[in-house]
Amino acid sequence: MSKTPVETYFEFVENVLGIKQVLLDRTVETMADEIAAGTPPHEIQILISVQDLENYSAPEKELLYKMIQALQLKPESYLVIDTAQKTGYLAQHELSFADSPKPSTADLIETYSPRVLISKPALKKAAWTEMQKLLQLI
């Protein structure tokens, strides 16, 4: 039986590029696909909103996903969106990455965006401290 293009691609990623794990997150588009297919999306446990996500550079996106991976969340438990798309989503917890974060509250944990952390690496510890508050809630 021949392999599908997706299977061939993932073999290439693993065997040639040496990437052992690929992080696939639920996005607004995948949730829309689930709804269109008649399958209701799973409950969103954690909404991760990112200021100006659609304009992120490759290094900024890479750091964002490394930060999310550090939380060791199950892919089905969170949704990553641009802050501009935030209306209408309900979640048990919210983590927000902003260029100028406000103090966290019981409902919203806000910390520095990857864009800021790339330009000011000294803030990484403060960002991780805020992110750990989310882990204490879940």
C-alpha atoms as a PDB file:
ATOM      1  CA  MET A   1       0.000   0.000   0.000  1.00  0.00           C
ATOM      2  CA  SER A   2       1.421   3.381  -0.957  1.00  0.00           C
ATOM      3  CA  LYS A   3       1.886   6.125   1.560  1.00  0.00           C
ATOM      4  CA  THR A   4      -0.168   9.287   1.604  1.00  0.00           C
ATOM      5  CA  PRO A   5       1.571  12.614   0.943  1.00  0.00           C
ATOM      6  CA  VAL A   6       1.126  13.493   4.626  1.00  0.00           C
ATOM      7  CA  GLU A   7       2.828  10.266   5.765  1.00  0.00           C
ATOM      8  CA  THR A   8       5.660  10.850   3.289  1.00  0.00           C
ATOM      9  CA  TYR A   9       6.083  14.417   4.522  1.00  0.00           C
ATOM     10  CA  PHE A  10       6.259  13.418   8.192  1.00  0.00           C
ATOM     11  CA  GLU A  11       8.798  10.689   7.363  1.00  0.00           C
ATOM     12  CA  PHE A  12      10.896  13.356   5.637  1.00  0.00           C
ATOM     13  CA  VAL A  13      10.586  15.684   8.625  1.00  0.00           C
ATOM     14  CA  GLU A  14      11.707  12.946  11.021  1.00  0.00           C
ATOM     15  CA  ASN A  15      14.339  11.117   8.962  1.00  0.00           C
ATOM     16  CA  VAL A  16      15.926  13.948   7.001  1.00  0.00           C
ATOM     17  CA  LEU A  17      15.428  16.965   9.230  1.00  0.00           C
ATOM     18  CA  GLY A  18      15.727  15.038  12.503  1.00  0.00           C
ATOM     19  CA  ILE A  19      12.579  16.529  14.005  1.00  0.00           C
ATOM     20  CA  LYS A  20      11.076  13.970  16.358  1.00  0.00           C
ATOM     21  CA  GLN A  21       7.974  15.869  17.459  1.00  0.00           C
ATOM     22  CA  VAL A  22       5.672  18.213  15.594  1.00  0.00           C
ATOM     23  CA  LEU A  23       3.384  20.437  17.639  1.00  0.00           C
ATOM     24  CA  LEU A  24      -0.012  20.857  16.011  1.00  0.00           C
ATOM     25  CA  ASP A  25      -2.314  23.199  17.847  1.00  0.00           C
ATOM     26  CA  ARG A  26      -5.983  23.891  17.418  1.00  0.00           C
ATOM     27  CA  THR A  27      -6.538  27.156  15.652  1.00  0.00           C
ATOM     28  CA  VAL A  28      -9.594  29.156  14.789  1.00  0.00           C
ATOM     29  CA  GLU A  29      -9.532  27.513  11.336  1.00  0.00           C
ATOM     30  CA  THR A  30      -9.436  23.938  12.682  1.00  0.00           C
ATOM     31  CA  MET A  31     -12.309  24.695  15.039  1.00  0.00           C
ATOM     32  CA  ALA A  32     -14.304  26.119  12.118  1.00  0.00           C
ATOM     33  CA  ASP A  33     -13.602  22.897  10.191  1.00  0.00           C
ATOM     34  CA  GLU A  34     -14.854  20.821  13.149  1.00  0.00           C
ATOM     35  CA  ILE A  35     -18.072  22.830  13.297  1.00  0.00           C
ATOM     36  CA  ALA A  36     -18.591  22.640   9.505  1.00  0.00           C
ATOM     37  CA  ALA A  37     -18.115  18.853   9.650  1.00  0.00           C
ATOM     38  CA  GLY A  38     -20.833  18.626  12.291  1.00  0.00           C
ATOM     39  CA  THR A  39     -18.373  17.727  15.019  1.00  0.00           C
ATOM     40  CA  PRO A  40     -18.590  20.198  17.887  1.00  0.00           C
ATOM     41  CA  PRO A  41     -15.178  21.393  19.033  1.00  0.00           C
ATOM     42  CA  HIS A  42     -13.945  20.196  22.377  1.00  0.00           C
ATOM     43  CA  GLU A  43     -14.361  22.559  25.269  1.00  0.00           C
ATOM     44  CA  ILE A  44     -11.577  25.109  25.311  1.00  0.00           C
ATOM     45  CA  GLN A  45      -9.753  24.747  28.586  1.00  0.00           C
ATOM     46  CA  ILE A  46      -7.146  27.422  27.870  1.00  0.00           C
ATOM     47  CA  LEU A  47      -7.437  30.336  25.463  1.00  0.00           C
ATOM     48  CA  ILE A  48      -4.020  31.671  24.476  1.00  0.00           C
ATOM     49  CA  SER A  49      -4.322  35.113  22.921  1.00  0.00           C
ATOM     50  CA  VAL A  50      -1.341  36.779  21.297  1.00  0.00           C
ATOM     51  CA  GLN A  51      -1.166  40.472  20.475  1.00  0.00           C
ATOM     52  CA  ASP A  52      -0.594  40.970  16.719  1.00  0.00           C
ATOM     53  CA  LEU A  53      -0.025  37.232  16.097  1.00  0.00           C
ATOM     54  CA  GLU A  54      -0.871  37.449  12.404  1.00  0.00           C
ATOM     55  CA  ASN A  55       2.124  39.759  11.875  1.00  0.00           C
ATOM     56  CA  TYR A  56       4.640  37.654  13.812  1.00  0.00           C
ATOM     57  CA  SER A  57       7.946  36.816  12.167  1.00  0.00           C
ATOM     58  CA  ALA A  58       9.212  33.231  12.018  1.00  0.00           C
ATOM     59  CA  PRO A  59      11.530  33.683  15.067  1.00  0.00           C
ATOM     60  CA  GLU A  60       8.675  35.217  17.085  1.00  0.00           C
ATOM     61  CA  LYS A  61       6.356  32.317  16.216  1.00  0.00           C
ATOM     62  CA  GLU A  62       9.092  29.816  17.029  1.00  0.00           C
ATOM     63  CA  LEU A  63       9.600  31.344  20.482  1.00  0.00           C
ATOM     64  CA  LEU A  64       5.830  31.452  21.063  1.00  0.00           C
ATOM     65  CA  TYR A  65       5.482  27.740  20.379  1.00  0.00           C
ATOM     66  CA  LYS A  66       8.521  26.920  22.520  1.00  0.00           C
ATOM     67  CA  MET A  67       6.886  28.845  25.366  1.00  0.00           C
ATOM     68  CA  ILE A  68       3.634  26.933  24.879  1.00  0.00           C
ATOM     69  CA  GLN A  69       5.531  23.626  24.714  1.00  0.00           C
ATOM     70  CA  ALA A  70       7.227  24.480  28.014  1.00  0.00           C
ATOM     71  CA  LEU A  71       3.789  24.459  29.644  1.00  0.00           C
ATOM     72  CA  GLN A  72       3.367  20.809  28.545  1.00  0.00           C
ATOM     73  CA  LEU A  73      -0.290  21.285  27.653  1.00  0.00           C
ATOM     74  CA  LYS A  74      -2.247  18.693  25.713  1.00  0.00           C
ATOM     75  CA  PRO A  75      -2.818  20.050  22.182  1.00  0.00           C
ATOM     76  CA  GLU A  76      -6.583  19.567  22.476  1.00  0.00           C
ATOM     77  CA  SER A  77      -6.731  21.629  25.677  1.00  0.00           C
ATOM     78  CA  TYR A  78      -5.854  25.029  24.207  1.00  0.00           C
ATOM     79  CA  LEU A  79      -6.570  27.367  21.331  1.00  0.00           C
ATOM     80  CA  VAL A  80      -4.109  29.995  20.047  1.00  0.00           C
ATOM     81  CA  ILE A  81      -5.654  33.138  18.565  1.00  0.00           C
ATOM     82  CA  ASP A  82      -4.713  36.694  17.697  1.00  0.00           C
ATOM     83  CA  THR A  83      -6.002  39.053  20.389  1.00  0.00           C
ATOM     84  CA  ALA A  84      -8.067  40.806  17.694  1.00  0.00           C
ATOM     85  CA  GLN A  85     -10.096  37.552  17.234  1.00  0.00           C
ATOM     86  CA  LYS A  86     -10.789  37.145  20.943  1.00  0.00           C
ATOM     87  CA  THR A  87     -14.485  37.993  21.079  1.00  0.00           C
ATOM     88  CA  GLY A  88     -16.911  35.133  21.444  1.00  0.00           C
ATOM     89  CA  TYR A  89     -14.611  32.507  22.936  1.00  0.00           C
ATOM     90  CA  LEU A  90     -15.250  30.979  26.333  1.00  0.00           C
ATOM     91  CA  ALA A  91     -12.487  29.213  28.189  1.00  0.00           C
ATOM     92  CA  GLN A  92     -11.773  28.073  31.705  1.00  0.00           C
ATOM     93  CA  HIS A  93      -8.463  29.977  31.726  1.00  0.00           C
ATOM     94  CA  GLU A  94      -6.821  32.612  29.568  1.00  0.00           C
ATOM     95  CA  LEU A  95      -3.155  33.279  28.924  1.00  0.00           C
ATOM     96  CA  SER A  96      -2.363  36.468  27.031  1.00  0.00           C
ATOM     97  CA  PHE A  97       0.934  37.481  25.458  1.00  0.00           C
ATOM     98  CA  ALA A  98       1.127  41.268  25.076  1.00  0.00           C
ATOM     99  CA  ASP A  99       3.816  43.797  24.254  1.00  0.00           C
ATOM    100  CA  SER A 100       2.863  45.821  27.363  1.00  0.00           C
ATOM    101  CA  PRO A 101       1.228  43.328  29.732  1.00  0.00           C
ATOM    102  CA  LYS A 102      -1.091  44.403  32.512  1.00  0.00           C
ATOM    103  CA  PRO A 103      -0.970  42.759  35.946  1.00  0.00           C
ATOM    104  CA  SER A 104      -2.504  39.278  35.943  1.00  0.00           C
ATOM    105  CA  THR A 105      -5.903  38.674  37.522  1.00  0.00           C
ATOM    106  CA  ALA A 106      -7.748  35.533  38.590  1.00  0.00           C
ATOM    107  CA  ASP A 107      -9.378  35.337  35.133  1.00  0.00           C
ATOM    108  CA  LEU A 108      -6.474  36.411  32.953  1.00  0.00           C
ATOM    109  CA  ILE A 109      -2.768  35.696  33.125  1.00  0.00           C
ATOM    110  CA  GLU A 110      -0.933  38.242  31.018  1.00  0.00           C
ATOM    111  CA  THR A 111       2.770  38.256  30.275  1.00  0.00           C
ATOM    112  CA  TYR A 112       5.335  39.548  27.791  1.00  0.00           C
ATOM    113  CA  SER A 113       4.939  38.594  24.148  1.00  0.00           C
ATOM    114  CA  PRO A 114       7.673  36.676  22.340  1.00  0.00           C
ATOM    115  CA  ARG A 115       8.271  39.830  20.280  1.00  0.00           C
ATOM    116  CA  VAL A 116       9.269  41.714  23.444  1.00  0.00           C
ATOM    117  CA  LEU A 117      11.284  38.782  24.820  1.00  0.00           C
ATOM    118  CA  ILE A 118      13.392  38.586  21.666  1.00  0.00           C
ATOM    119  CA  SER A 119      14.336  42.251  21.993  1.00  0.00           C
ATOM    120  CA  LYS A 120      14.654  42.127  25.815  1.00  0.00           C
ATOM    121  CA  PRO A 121      15.806  38.626  26.891  1.00  0.00           C
ATOM    122  CA  ALA A 122      16.174  39.797  30.510  1.00  0.00           C
ATOM    123  CA  LEU A 123      12.353  39.680  30.782  1.00  0.00           C
ATOM    124  CA  LYS A 124      12.164  35.921  30.081  1.00  0.00           C
ATOM    125  CA  LYS A 125      12.261  35.009  33.773  1.00  0.00           C
ATOM    126  CA  ALA A 126       9.363  37.360  34.555  1.00  0.00           C
ATOM    127  CA  ALA A 127       7.381  35.907  31.641  1.00  0.00           C
ATOM    128  CA  TRP A 128       7.977  32.337  32.836  1.00  0.00           C
ATOM    129  CA  THR A 129       6.927  33.292  36.383  1.00  0.00           C
ATOM    130  CA  GLU A 130       3.599  34.577  35.026  1.00  0.00           C
ATOM    131  CA  MET A 131       3.136  31.489  32.841  1.00  0.00           C
ATOM    132  CA  GLN A 132       3.640  29.241  35.866  1.00  0.00           C
ATOM    133  CA  LYS A 133       0.574  30.866  37.459  1.00  0.00           C
ATOM    134  CA  LEU A 134      -1.479  29.192  34.728  1.00  0.00           C
ATOM    135  CA  LEU A 135       0.001  25.808  35.639  1.00  0.00           C
ATOM    136  CA  GLN A 136      -1.073  26.335  39.241  1.00  0.00           C
ATOM    137  CA  LEU A 137      -4.661  26.932  38.081  1.00  0.00           C
ATOM    138  CA  ILE A 138      -5.015  23.845  35.905  1.00  0.00           C
END
